[in-house]
Amino acid sequence: MVEVRRRVECFHPGRRRFEPRREPVAYYLVTREASADTLAQAIRGHWAIENSLHHVLDVSLGEDASRIRRNPGVFAQLRHFALNLLRHNGHTNIRAALYDNAIDLERVLNYQGIKH
C-alpha cells in the first residue's frame, strides 16, 4: 500500500492569493514493488486523465449539472465529441473556445473534421 500526502494551494479571490488547503491522505493499493519515482509517475498519470477530461467535461461543459434524464448517454457522447473536436483543432482553453464559437457559428463549420 502507498500513502500519498499532497500539498495543495487554492486561489482565494477575496484575498487575491493562493492559500494552503487540507487534503485527506490518499492510499493506493500496489500489486508489485516499484520505486517511489515510478509510483509517483503512475499516480500523476492517473490524475492527468481526471484533470484533462473529467474536470473539463464537468466545469466547461457542465456535465455534472446536466438535468437530462432521457438518454443521458447520447448527450454525454455529444459533449465528448465537442471536446475532441475542439482539441483536434488546437484549442487548449475549452471555455474560451466555447464562448468564441457561440458568437461565430461559421468558425465551428470551418473546423477540421467537420464537412458541410
Protein backbone atom coordinates (compact mmCIF):
# COMPACT_ATOMS: atom_id res chain seq x y z
CA MET A 1 0.00 0.00 0.00
CA VAL A 2 1.21 3.51 -0.84
CA GLU A 3 0.34 6.55 1.25
CA VAL A 4 0.30 9.91 -0.55
CA ARG A 5 0.16 13.26 1.21
CA ARG A 6 -0.45 16.26 -1.00
CA ARG A 7 0.34 19.92 -0.51
CA VAL A 8 -2.41 21.85 -2.30
CA GLU A 9 -2.85 25.58 -2.72
CA CYS A 10 -6.09 27.12 -3.96
CA PHE A 11 -6.56 30.67 -5.14
CA HIS A 12 -8.68 32.77 -2.79
CA PRO A 13 -10.22 35.56 -4.91
CA GLY A 14 -11.21 37.73 -1.93
CA ARG A 15 -7.64 37.83 -0.64
CA ARG A 16 -6.09 37.60 -4.14
CA ARG A 17 -3.58 34.96 -3.16
CA PHE A 18 -3.05 31.23 -3.01
CA GLU A 19 -3.68 29.60 0.34
CA PRO A 20 -2.93 26.09 1.55
CA ARG A 21 -5.84 23.65 1.67
CA ARG A 22 -6.02 20.49 3.73
CA GLU A 23 -6.32 17.36 1.65
CA PRO A 24 -7.04 13.92 3.05
CA VAL A 25 -4.32 11.31 2.83
CA ALA A 26 -4.76 9.12 -0.26
CA TYR A 27 -3.98 5.41 -0.27
CA TYR A 28 -3.17 3.33 -3.36
CA LEU A 29 -3.07 -0.44 -3.47
CA VAL A 30 0.06 -1.70 -5.22
CA THR A 31 0.44 -5.25 -6.53
CA ARG A 32 4.20 -5.15 -7.20
CA GLU A 33 7.31 -3.46 -5.92
CA ALA A 34 8.35 -0.21 -7.57
CA SER A 35 10.43 2.85 -6.79
CA ALA A 36 8.87 5.99 -5.35
CA ASP A 37 9.52 7.80 -8.65
CA THR A 38 7.74 5.09 -10.65
CA LEU A 39 4.75 5.13 -8.30
CA ALA A 40 4.59 8.94 -8.34
CA GLN A 41 4.61 8.90 -12.15
CA ALA A 42 1.78 6.34 -12.24
CA ILE A 43 -0.32 8.34 -9.77
CA ARG A 44 0.24 11.58 -11.69
CA GLY A 45 -0.70 9.79 -14.90
CA HIS A 46 -3.97 8.68 -13.33
CA TRP A 47 -4.80 12.23 -12.20
CA ALA A 48 -3.81 13.68 -15.59
CA ILE A 49 -6.85 11.89 -17.03
CA GLU A 50 -9.07 13.34 -14.33
CA ASN A 51 -7.75 16.85 -14.90
CA SER A 52 -7.73 16.81 -18.70
CA LEU A 53 -11.03 15.04 -19.32
CA HIS A 54 -13.46 14.74 -16.44
CA HIS A 55 -12.73 18.16 -14.95
CA VAL A 56 -13.16 19.85 -18.34
CA LEU A 57 -16.38 17.95 -19.03
CA ASP A 58 -17.77 18.99 -15.67
CA VAL A 59 -16.58 22.59 -15.41
CA SER A 60 -16.63 23.79 -19.02
CA LEU A 61 -19.40 21.60 -20.41
CA GLY A 62 -21.48 21.30 -17.23
CA GLU A 63 -21.76 17.54 -17.27
CA ASP A 64 -22.45 17.09 -13.55
CA ALA A 65 -25.07 19.87 -13.61
CA SER A 66 -26.93 18.26 -16.50
CA ARG A 67 -30.58 17.54 -15.75
CA ILE A 68 -31.08 15.35 -18.80
CA ARG A 69 -32.85 12.17 -17.70
CA ARG A 70 -33.78 10.60 -21.05
CA ASN A 71 -30.86 9.12 -22.94
CA PRO A 72 -28.16 10.96 -20.98
CA GLY A 73 -25.53 8.82 -22.73
CA VAL A 74 -26.34 10.46 -26.06
CA PHE A 75 -25.64 13.90 -24.65
CA ALA A 76 -22.51 12.63 -22.91
CA GLN A 77 -21.26 11.43 -26.31
CA LEU A 78 -22.05 14.83 -27.81
CA ARG A 79 -20.04 16.57 -25.08
CA HIS A 80 -17.11 14.20 -25.69
CA PHE A 81 -17.39 14.83 -29.45
CA ALA A 82 -17.35 18.60 -28.91
CA LEU A 83 -14.34 18.37 -26.59
CA ASN A 84 -12.43 16.13 -29.01
CA LEU A 85 -13.26 18.42 -31.93
CA LEU A 86 -12.01 21.50 -30.07
CA ARG A 87 -8.80 19.76 -29.00
CA HIS A 88 -8.23 18.37 -32.51
CA ASN A 89 -8.37 21.94 -33.79
CA GLY A 90 -5.72 23.13 -31.34
CA HIS A 91 -7.80 24.65 -28.55
CA THR A 92 -6.38 24.33 -25.06
CA ASN A 93 -8.72 26.76 -23.29
CA ILE A 94 -12.03 24.97 -23.82
CA ARG A 95 -14.17 27.56 -22.03
CA ALA A 96 -12.81 30.38 -24.23
CA ALA A 97 -13.27 28.25 -27.35
CA LEU A 98 -16.91 27.55 -26.44
CA TYR A 99 -17.53 31.27 -25.95
CA ASP A 100 -15.84 32.22 -29.23
CA ASN A 101 -17.77 29.54 -31.13
CA ALA A 102 -21.09 30.59 -29.60
CA ILE A 103 -20.54 34.05 -31.05
CA ASP A 104 -19.44 32.82 -34.50
CA LEU A 105 -21.01 29.56 -35.72
CA GLU A 106 -19.15 29.90 -39.03
CA ARG A 107 -15.92 29.23 -37.13
CA VAL A 108 -17.24 25.82 -35.98
CA LEU A 109 -18.27 24.89 -39.50
CA ASN A 110 -14.72 25.59 -40.72
CA TYR A 111 -13.06 23.27 -38.21
CA GLN A 112 -11.02 20.33 -39.40
CA GLY A 113 -13.16 17.24 -39.07
CA ILE A 114 -16.43 19.00 -39.99
CA LYS A 115 -17.73 18.68 -43.52
CA HIS A 116 -20.61 20.73 -44.78
